[in-house]
Amino acid sequence: MSTSANFPSTVIPVLRYRNVAAAVDWLCLVFGFEKRQVFADADGAIGHAELTLNGGMVMLGPAGKTTEFSKLMKQPDEIGGFETQCSYLVVTDADATYARAVAAHAKIEIALMDEDYGGRGFVCRDLEGRVWSIGTYDPWKQSTAG
């Protein structure tokens, strides 16, 4: 486990998915997230989910629901497949995570490689086209001395 668990993040990405239930299952299976809390709407669909990984968290919500917040966002397929940000996941074994991503039909955008700045990682898209950067480089372990 990464030492980042000792530094709970106060920056929590919020991601919207058209099929939140499928996204929760995929992110847990492929990247190793764990369900912290999952809340259903009145219709039984997932309205909000909190997933954790090594002291970090992402929150998921539905993309099809129109709210003031949702009016500020677009899905990747609505803007030519682009993202304006992505999440970076610190993992202990990039090769194993890469193998799970390939097996789950993630679109690999940057193949698994050793990084010049340290660590090993890759970049892929999830089942709805969101970009994820995954690697063993852990900024919590790096010295902040300049």
N, C-alpha and C. Protein backbone atom coordinates (compact mmCIF):
# COMPACT_ATOMS: atom_id res chain seq x y z
N MET A 1 0.84 -1.19 0.00
CA MET A 1 0.00 0.00 0.00
C MET A 1 0.87 1.24 0.00
N SER A 2 0.44 2.24 -0.69
CA SER A 2 1.17 3.50 -0.79
C SER A 2 1.11 4.26 0.53
N THR A 3 2.15 5.03 0.81
CA THR A 3 2.14 5.85 2.01
C THR A 3 1.18 7.02 1.89
N SER A 4 0.61 7.23 0.70
CA SER A 4 -0.33 8.34 0.55
C SER A 4 -1.56 8.14 1.44
N ALA A 5 -1.77 6.92 1.96
CA ALA A 5 -2.88 6.69 2.88
C ALA A 5 -2.70 7.51 4.15
N ASN A 6 -1.46 7.93 4.44
CA ASN A 6 -1.20 8.76 5.61
C ASN A 6 -1.54 10.23 5.36
N PHE A 7 -1.86 10.59 4.16
CA PHE A 7 -2.17 11.96 3.80
C PHE A 7 -3.51 12.01 3.08
N PRO A 8 -4.62 11.87 3.80
CA PRO A 8 -5.91 11.89 3.10
C PRO A 8 -6.05 13.15 2.25
N SER A 9 -6.48 12.95 1.05
CA SER A 9 -6.59 14.05 0.10
C SER A 9 -7.76 14.95 0.44
N THR A 10 -7.56 16.24 0.31
CA THR A 10 -8.66 17.18 0.43
C THR A 10 -9.09 17.69 -0.94
N VAL A 11 -8.46 17.19 -1.99
CA VAL A 11 -8.88 17.46 -3.36
C VAL A 11 -9.49 16.17 -3.88
N ILE A 12 -10.77 16.20 -4.18
CA ILE A 12 -11.49 14.98 -4.57
C ILE A 12 -12.10 15.19 -5.95
N PRO A 13 -11.61 14.47 -6.96
CA PRO A 13 -12.21 14.58 -8.29
C PRO A 13 -13.67 14.12 -8.27
N VAL A 14 -14.49 14.81 -9.04
CA VAL A 14 -15.89 14.46 -9.22
C VAL A 14 -16.06 14.11 -10.69
N LEU A 15 -16.49 12.88 -10.95
CA LEU A 15 -16.64 12.39 -12.31
C LEU A 15 -18.10 12.01 -12.55
N ARG A 16 -18.58 12.34 -13.73
CA ARG A 16 -19.95 12.00 -14.08
C ARG A 16 -19.94 10.89 -15.13
N TYR A 17 -20.85 9.96 -14.97
CA TYR A 17 -20.98 8.84 -15.90
C TYR A 17 -22.44 8.65 -16.28
N ARG A 18 -22.66 8.22 -17.49
CA ARG A 18 -24.02 7.91 -17.91
C ARG A 18 -24.53 6.65 -17.21
N ASN A 19 -23.64 5.69 -16.98
CA ASN A 19 -24.00 4.47 -16.26
C ASN A 19 -23.10 4.38 -15.02
N VAL A 20 -23.55 5.00 -13.95
CA VAL A 20 -22.73 5.09 -12.73
C VAL A 20 -22.47 3.70 -12.16
N ALA A 21 -23.46 2.82 -12.16
CA ALA A 21 -23.28 1.47 -11.60
C ALA A 21 -22.18 0.72 -12.34
N ALA A 22 -22.18 0.79 -13.67
CA ALA A 22 -21.14 0.12 -14.45
C ALA A 22 -19.78 0.75 -14.19
N ALA A 23 -19.74 2.07 -14.05
CA ALA A 23 -18.47 2.76 -13.77
C ALA A 23 -17.92 2.35 -12.41
N VAL A 24 -18.78 2.27 -11.39
CA VAL A 24 -18.34 1.84 -10.06
C VAL A 24 -17.72 0.45 -10.15
N ASP A 25 -18.42 -0.47 -10.78
CA ASP A 25 -17.91 -1.85 -10.90
C ASP A 25 -16.59 -1.89 -11.65
N TRP A 26 -16.49 -1.17 -12.76
CA TRP A 26 -15.29 -1.17 -13.60
C TRP A 26 -14.10 -0.58 -12.85
N LEU A 27 -14.30 0.56 -12.20
CA LEU A 27 -13.20 1.22 -11.47
C LEU A 27 -12.71 0.36 -10.30
N CYS A 28 -13.62 -0.34 -9.65
CA CYS A 28 -13.22 -1.23 -8.55
C CYS A 28 -12.45 -2.44 -9.09
N LEU A 29 -12.95 -3.04 -10.14
CA LEU A 29 -12.30 -4.23 -10.71
C LEU A 29 -10.94 -3.91 -11.32
N VAL A 30 -10.87 -2.86 -12.11
CA VAL A 30 -9.66 -2.58 -12.89
C VAL A 30 -8.60 -1.83 -12.08
N PHE A 31 -8.98 -0.78 -11.38
CA PHE A 31 -8.02 0.06 -10.68
C PHE A 31 -7.90 -0.25 -9.19
N GLY A 32 -8.81 -1.05 -8.66
CA GLY A 32 -8.72 -1.43 -7.25
C GLY A 32 -9.42 -0.49 -6.29
N PHE A 33 -10.27 0.40 -6.80
CA PHE A 33 -11.04 1.25 -5.90
C PHE A 33 -11.92 0.39 -5.00
N GLU A 34 -12.28 0.93 -3.86
CA GLU A 34 -13.23 0.28 -2.96
C GLU A 34 -14.42 1.21 -2.76
N LYS A 35 -15.59 0.60 -2.69
CA LYS A 35 -16.81 1.38 -2.46
C LYS A 35 -16.80 1.87 -1.01
N ARG A 36 -16.88 3.18 -0.84
CA ARG A 36 -17.01 3.76 0.50
C ARG A 36 -18.47 3.95 0.82
N GLN A 37 -19.16 4.65 -0.09
CA GLN A 37 -20.60 4.87 0.04
C GLN A 37 -21.20 4.93 -1.36
N VAL A 38 -22.37 4.32 -1.50
CA VAL A 38 -23.10 4.36 -2.76
C VAL A 38 -24.56 4.64 -2.42
N PHE A 39 -25.11 5.70 -3.01
CA PHE A 39 -26.47 6.12 -2.71
C PHE A 39 -27.33 6.02 -3.96
N ALA A 40 -28.51 5.43 -3.81
CA ALA A 40 -29.44 5.30 -4.92
C ALA A 40 -30.43 6.46 -4.91
N ASP A 41 -30.85 6.87 -6.12
CA ASP A 41 -31.92 7.85 -6.27
C ASP A 41 -33.26 7.16 -6.02
N ALA A 42 -34.33 7.90 -6.06
CA ALA A 42 -35.67 7.36 -5.87
C ALA A 42 -35.99 6.27 -6.91
N ASP A 43 -35.42 6.40 -8.11
CA ASP A 43 -35.69 5.41 -9.17
C ASP A 43 -34.78 4.18 -9.07
N GLY A 44 -33.90 4.14 -8.07
CA GLY A 44 -33.02 2.98 -7.87
C GLY A 44 -31.67 3.11 -8.54
N ALA A 45 -31.49 4.10 -9.40
CA ALA A 45 -30.20 4.31 -10.06
C ALA A 45 -29.24 4.98 -9.08
N ILE A 46 -27.96 4.77 -9.27
CA ILE A 46 -26.98 5.39 -8.39
C ILE A 46 -26.93 6.88 -8.65
N GLY A 47 -27.16 7.65 -7.60
CA GLY A 47 -27.15 9.11 -7.70
C GLY A 47 -25.84 9.71 -7.23
N HIS A 48 -25.11 8.97 -6.40
CA HIS A 48 -23.83 9.45 -5.87
C HIS A 48 -23.05 8.25 -5.35
N ALA A 49 -21.76 8.21 -5.66
CA ALA A 49 -20.90 7.14 -5.16
C ALA A 49 -19.57 7.74 -4.74
N GLU A 50 -19.00 7.20 -3.68
CA GLU A 50 -17.68 7.59 -3.21
C GLU A 50 -16.80 6.35 -3.23
N LEU A 51 -15.71 6.42 -3.98
CA LEU A 51 -14.77 5.31 -4.10
C LEU A 51 -13.43 5.74 -3.55
N THR A 52 -12.76 4.86 -2.82
CA THR A 52 -11.46 5.19 -2.23
C THR A 52 -10.38 4.27 -2.77
N LEU A 53 -9.15 4.80 -2.74
CA LEU A 53 -7.97 4.05 -3.14
C LEU A 53 -6.77 4.66 -2.44
N ASN A 54 -6.15 3.91 -1.55
CA ASN A 54 -4.91 4.34 -0.88
C ASN A 54 -4.98 5.74 -0.29
N GLY A 55 -6.05 6.07 0.38
CA GLY A 55 -6.15 7.37 1.01
C GLY A 55 -6.73 8.46 0.13
N GLY A 56 -6.96 8.16 -1.13
CA GLY A 56 -7.58 9.11 -2.05
C GLY A 56 -9.03 8.74 -2.29
N MET A 57 -9.73 9.62 -2.95
CA MET A 57 -11.14 9.37 -3.21
C MET A 57 -11.54 10.03 -4.52
N VAL A 58 -12.52 9.41 -5.19
CA VAL A 58 -13.24 10.03 -6.29
C VAL A 58 -14.73 9.92 -5.97
N MET A 59 -15.48 10.91 -6.41
CA MET A 59 -16.92 10.86 -6.27
C MET A 59 -17.51 10.76 -7.67
N LEU A 60 -18.54 9.93 -7.81
CA LEU A 60 -19.19 9.72 -9.10
C LEU A 60 -20.65 10.12 -9.01
N GLY A 61 -21.15 10.68 -10.10
CA GLY A 61 -22.55 11.03 -10.20
C GLY A 61 -23.05 10.82 -11.60
N PRO A 62 -24.36 10.90 -11.79
CA PRO A 62 -24.94 10.65 -13.11
C PRO A 62 -24.75 11.82 -14.07
N ALA A 63 -24.45 11.49 -15.31
CA ALA A 63 -24.26 12.51 -16.34
C ALA A 63 -25.58 12.95 -16.96
N GLY A 64 -26.59 12.12 -16.92
CA GLY A 64 -27.83 12.43 -17.61
C GLY A 64 -28.77 13.34 -16.84
N LYS A 65 -28.46 13.61 -15.60
CA LYS A 65 -29.33 14.44 -14.76
C LYS A 65 -28.93 15.91 -14.91
N THR A 66 -29.86 16.78 -15.28
CA THR A 66 -29.56 18.19 -15.47
C THR A 66 -29.69 18.93 -14.14
N THR A 67 -28.57 19.51 -13.71
CA THR A 67 -28.52 20.33 -12.51
C THR A 67 -27.70 21.57 -12.85
N GLU A 68 -27.66 22.52 -11.93
CA GLU A 68 -26.82 23.69 -12.16
C GLU A 68 -25.35 23.27 -12.32
N PHE A 69 -24.91 22.30 -11.53
CA PHE A 69 -23.55 21.80 -11.59
C PHE A 69 -23.29 21.11 -12.94
N SER A 70 -24.22 20.27 -13.37
CA SER A 70 -24.01 19.52 -14.61
C SER A 70 -23.94 20.44 -15.84
N LYS A 71 -24.56 21.61 -15.75
CA LYS A 71 -24.53 22.55 -16.87
C LYS A 71 -23.12 23.10 -17.11
N LEU A 72 -22.23 22.93 -16.15
CA LEU A 72 -20.85 23.42 -16.27
C LEU A 72 -19.93 22.38 -16.92
N MET A 73 -20.43 21.18 -17.17
CA MET A 73 -19.57 20.08 -17.59
C MET A 73 -20.07 19.42 -18.87
N LYS A 74 -19.13 18.81 -19.58
CA LYS A 74 -19.42 18.00 -20.76
C LYS A 74 -18.73 16.65 -20.59
N GLN A 75 -19.29 15.64 -21.22
CA GLN A 75 -18.67 14.33 -21.24
C GLN A 75 -17.63 14.29 -22.37
N PRO A 76 -16.62 13.43 -22.26
CA PRO A 76 -15.59 13.38 -23.32
C PRO A 76 -16.16 13.20 -24.73
N ASP A 77 -17.19 12.36 -24.87
CA ASP A 77 -17.73 12.14 -26.22
C ASP A 77 -18.51 13.34 -26.76
N GLU A 78 -18.79 14.32 -25.90
CA GLU A 78 -19.48 15.55 -26.34
C GLU A 78 -18.50 16.62 -26.81
N ILE A 79 -17.19 16.40 -26.56
CA ILE A 79 -16.17 17.38 -26.96
C ILE A 79 -15.03 16.69 -27.71
N GLY A 80 -15.40 15.78 -28.58
CA GLY A 80 -14.42 15.13 -29.44
C GLY A 80 -13.50 14.15 -28.74
N GLY A 81 -13.91 13.64 -27.57
CA GLY A 81 -13.10 12.67 -26.85
C GLY A 81 -12.04 13.30 -25.96
N PHE A 82 -12.01 14.62 -25.88
CA PHE A 82 -11.01 15.30 -25.08
C PHE A 82 -11.41 15.37 -23.62
N GLU A 83 -10.43 15.60 -22.76
CA GLU A 83 -10.63 15.88 -21.35
C GLU A 83 -9.90 17.18 -21.05
N THR A 84 -10.37 17.91 -20.08
CA THR A 84 -9.66 19.11 -19.66
C THR A 84 -8.87 18.85 -18.38
N GLN A 85 -9.02 17.67 -17.81
CA GLN A 85 -8.24 17.23 -16.65
C GLN A 85 -8.32 15.72 -16.59
N CYS A 86 -7.45 15.11 -15.81
CA CYS A 86 -7.56 13.68 -15.58
C CYS A 86 -7.08 13.37 -14.18
N SER A 87 -7.41 12.20 -13.72
CA SER A 87 -6.97 11.77 -12.39
C SER A 87 -5.72 10.90 -12.54
N TYR A 88 -4.81 11.06 -11.58
CA TYR A 88 -3.61 10.22 -11.52
C TYR A 88 -3.76 9.27 -10.34
N LEU A 89 -3.58 7.99 -10.60
CA LEU A 89 -3.68 6.97 -9.56
C LEU A 89 -2.30 6.44 -9.23
N VAL A 90 -1.93 6.48 -7.96
CA VAL A 90 -0.68 5.87 -7.50
C VAL A 90 -0.98 4.40 -7.21
N VAL A 91 -0.25 3.52 -7.87
CA VAL A 91 -0.41 2.08 -7.65
C VAL A 91 0.94 1.48 -7.30
N THR A 92 0.92 0.35 -6.63
CA THR A 92 2.17 -0.32 -6.27
C THR A 92 2.68 -1.20 -7.40
N ASP A 93 1.79 -1.66 -8.28
CA ASP A 93 2.18 -2.55 -9.37
C ASP A 93 1.51 -2.09 -10.67
N ALA A 94 2.20 -1.26 -11.43
CA ALA A 94 1.65 -0.73 -12.67
C ALA A 94 1.43 -1.83 -13.70
N ASP A 95 2.29 -2.84 -13.71
CA ASP A 95 2.15 -3.93 -14.69
C ASP A 95 0.85 -4.70 -14.47
N ALA A 96 0.53 -5.00 -13.20
CA ALA A 96 -0.70 -5.73 -12.89
C ALA A 96 -1.93 -4.87 -13.22
N THR A 97 -1.87 -3.59 -12.90
CA THR A 97 -2.99 -2.70 -13.20
C THR A 97 -3.17 -2.57 -14.71
N TYR A 98 -2.06 -2.48 -15.44
CA TYR A 98 -2.10 -2.41 -16.90
C TYR A 98 -2.77 -3.67 -17.47
N ALA A 99 -2.39 -4.83 -16.94
CA ALA A 99 -2.97 -6.09 -17.43
C ALA A 99 -4.49 -6.12 -17.18
N ARG A 100 -4.93 -5.65 -16.03
CA ARG A 100 -6.38 -5.61 -15.75
C ARG A 100 -7.07 -4.62 -16.67
N ALA A 101 -6.44 -3.48 -16.94
CA ALA A 101 -7.03 -2.48 -17.84
C ALA A 101 -7.19 -3.04 -19.25
N VAL A 102 -6.17 -3.72 -19.74
CA VAL A 102 -6.24 -4.32 -21.07
C VAL A 102 -7.34 -5.39 -21.11
N ALA A 103 -7.40 -6.23 -20.08
CA ALA A 103 -8.41 -7.29 -20.02
C ALA A 103 -9.82 -6.72 -19.96
N ALA A 104 -9.98 -5.53 -19.37
CA ALA A 104 -11.29 -4.88 -19.25
C ALA A 104 -11.59 -3.99 -20.45
N HIS A 105 -10.78 -4.07 -21.50
CA HIS A 105 -10.99 -3.33 -22.75
C HIS A 105 -10.83 -1.82 -22.60
N ALA A 106 -9.97 -1.40 -21.67
CA ALA A 106 -9.64 0.02 -21.59
C ALA A 106 -8.91 0.39 -22.87
N LYS A 107 -9.14 1.58 -23.36
CA LYS A 107 -8.39 2.04 -24.52
C LYS A 107 -7.07 2.60 -24.00
N ILE A 108 -5.98 1.95 -24.36
CA ILE A 108 -4.66 2.38 -23.92
C ILE A 108 -4.22 3.54 -24.80
N GLU A 109 -3.98 4.70 -24.20
CA GLU A 109 -3.56 5.88 -24.93
C GLU A 109 -2.04 6.03 -24.92
N ILE A 110 -1.40 5.71 -23.81
CA ILE A 110 0.06 5.72 -23.69
C ILE A 110 0.44 4.41 -23.03
N ALA A 111 1.21 3.61 -23.74
CA ALA A 111 1.56 2.27 -23.27
C ALA A 111 2.40 2.32 -21.99
N LEU A 112 2.39 1.23 -21.29
CA LEU A 112 3.16 1.07 -20.06
C LEU A 112 4.64 1.34 -20.33
N MET A 113 5.23 2.20 -19.49
CA MET A 113 6.64 2.53 -19.69
C MET A 113 7.24 3.06 -18.40
N ASP A 114 8.58 3.05 -18.35
CA ASP A 114 9.30 3.67 -17.25
C ASP A 114 9.38 5.16 -17.53
N GLU A 115 9.08 5.97 -16.51
CA GLU A 115 9.06 7.42 -16.67
C GLU A 115 10.42 8.02 -16.33
N ASP A 116 10.80 9.11 -17.01
CA ASP A 116 12.07 9.79 -16.77
C ASP A 116 12.16 10.31 -15.33
N TYR A 117 11.05 10.73 -14.77
CA TYR A 117 11.03 11.31 -13.42
C TYR A 117 10.91 10.25 -12.32
N GLY A 118 10.88 8.98 -12.71
CA GLY A 118 10.76 7.88 -11.76
C GLY A 118 9.40 7.23 -11.86
N GLY A 119 9.36 5.98 -11.50
CA GLY A 119 8.10 5.25 -11.56
C GLY A 119 7.85 4.63 -12.92
N ARG A 120 6.77 3.92 -13.00
CA ARG A 120 6.36 3.20 -14.19
C ARG A 120 4.86 3.41 -14.33
N GLY A 121 4.39 3.68 -15.54
CA GLY A 121 2.97 3.93 -15.67
C GLY A 121 2.46 3.91 -17.08
N PHE A 122 1.18 4.24 -17.20
CA PHE A 122 0.49 4.26 -18.50
C PHE A 122 -0.72 5.18 -18.40
N VAL A 123 -1.33 5.46 -19.55
CA VAL A 123 -2.54 6.28 -19.61
C VAL A 123 -3.58 5.52 -20.42
N CYS A 124 -4.81 5.49 -19.88
CA CYS A 124 -5.88 4.80 -20.60
C CYS A 124 -7.20 5.55 -20.44
N ARG A 125 -8.19 5.09 -21.20
CA ARG A 125 -9.56 5.59 -21.07
C ARG A 125 -10.42 4.49 -20.47
N ASP A 126 -11.36 4.90 -19.63
CA ASP A 126 -12.25 3.92 -19.01
C ASP A 126 -13.42 3.61 -19.94
N LEU A 127 -14.42 2.93 -19.43
CA LEU A 127 -15.54 2.46 -20.25
C LEU A 127 -16.38 3.58 -20.86
N GLU A 128 -16.29 4.81 -20.33
CA GLU A 128 -17.02 5.94 -20.93
C GLU A 128 -16.08 7.00 -21.50
N GLY A 129 -14.82 6.66 -21.67
CA GLY A 129 -13.89 7.55 -22.35
C GLY A 129 -13.13 8.53 -21.47
N ARG A 130 -13.28 8.45 -20.16
CA ARG A 130 -12.51 9.32 -19.25
C ARG A 130 -11.06 8.89 -19.26
N VAL A 131 -10.16 9.89 -19.21
CA VAL A 131 -8.72 9.63 -19.23
C VAL A 131 -8.21 9.43 -17.81
N TRP A 132 -7.43 8.38 -17.62
CA TRP A 132 -6.80 8.05 -16.33
C TRP A 132 -5.31 7.86 -16.55
N SER A 133 -4.50 8.48 -15.70
CA SER A 133 -3.05 8.29 -15.70
C SER A 133 -2.74 7.43 -14.47
N ILE A 134 -2.04 6.33 -14.68
CA ILE A 134 -1.77 5.37 -13.61
C ILE A 134 -0.28 5.14 -13.53
N GLY A 135 0.27 5.14 -12.33
CA GLY A 135 1.70 4.90 -12.21
C GLY A 135 2.16 4.63 -10.79
N THR A 136 3.41 4.22 -10.70
CA THR A 136 4.00 3.92 -9.39
C THR A 136 4.69 5.14 -8.78
N TYR A 137 4.84 6.22 -9.53
CA TYR A 137 5.42 7.43 -8.97
C TYR A 137 4.47 7.96 -7.90
N ASP A 138 4.98 8.15 -6.68
CA ASP A 138 4.17 8.62 -5.56
C ASP A 138 4.72 9.95 -5.08
N PRO A 139 4.07 11.07 -5.41
CA PRO A 139 4.59 12.37 -5.00
C PRO A 139 4.66 12.55 -3.49
N TRP A 140 3.85 11.80 -2.71
CA TRP A 140 3.92 11.89 -1.25
C TRP A 140 5.25 11.39 -0.73
N LYS A 141 5.89 10.49 -1.46
CA LYS A 141 7.18 9.92 -1.02
C LYS A 141 8.37 10.77 -1.45
N GLN A 142 8.15 11.69 -2.37
CA GLN A 142 9.26 12.48 -2.91
C GLN A 142 9.59 13.63 -1.97
N SER A 143 10.85 13.97 -1.93
CA SER A 143 11.31 15.08 -1.10
C SER A 143 10.78 16.39 -1.65
N THR A 144 10.40 17.30 -0.77
CA THR A 144 9.96 18.62 -1.21
C THR A 144 11.11 19.62 -1.14
N ALA A 145 12.28 19.16 -0.75
CA ALA A 145 13.45 20.06 -0.71
C ALA A 145 13.88 20.39 -2.13
N GLY A 146 14.19 21.63 -2.37
CA GLY A 146 14.54 22.05 -3.73
C GLY A 146 16.00 22.11 -3.85
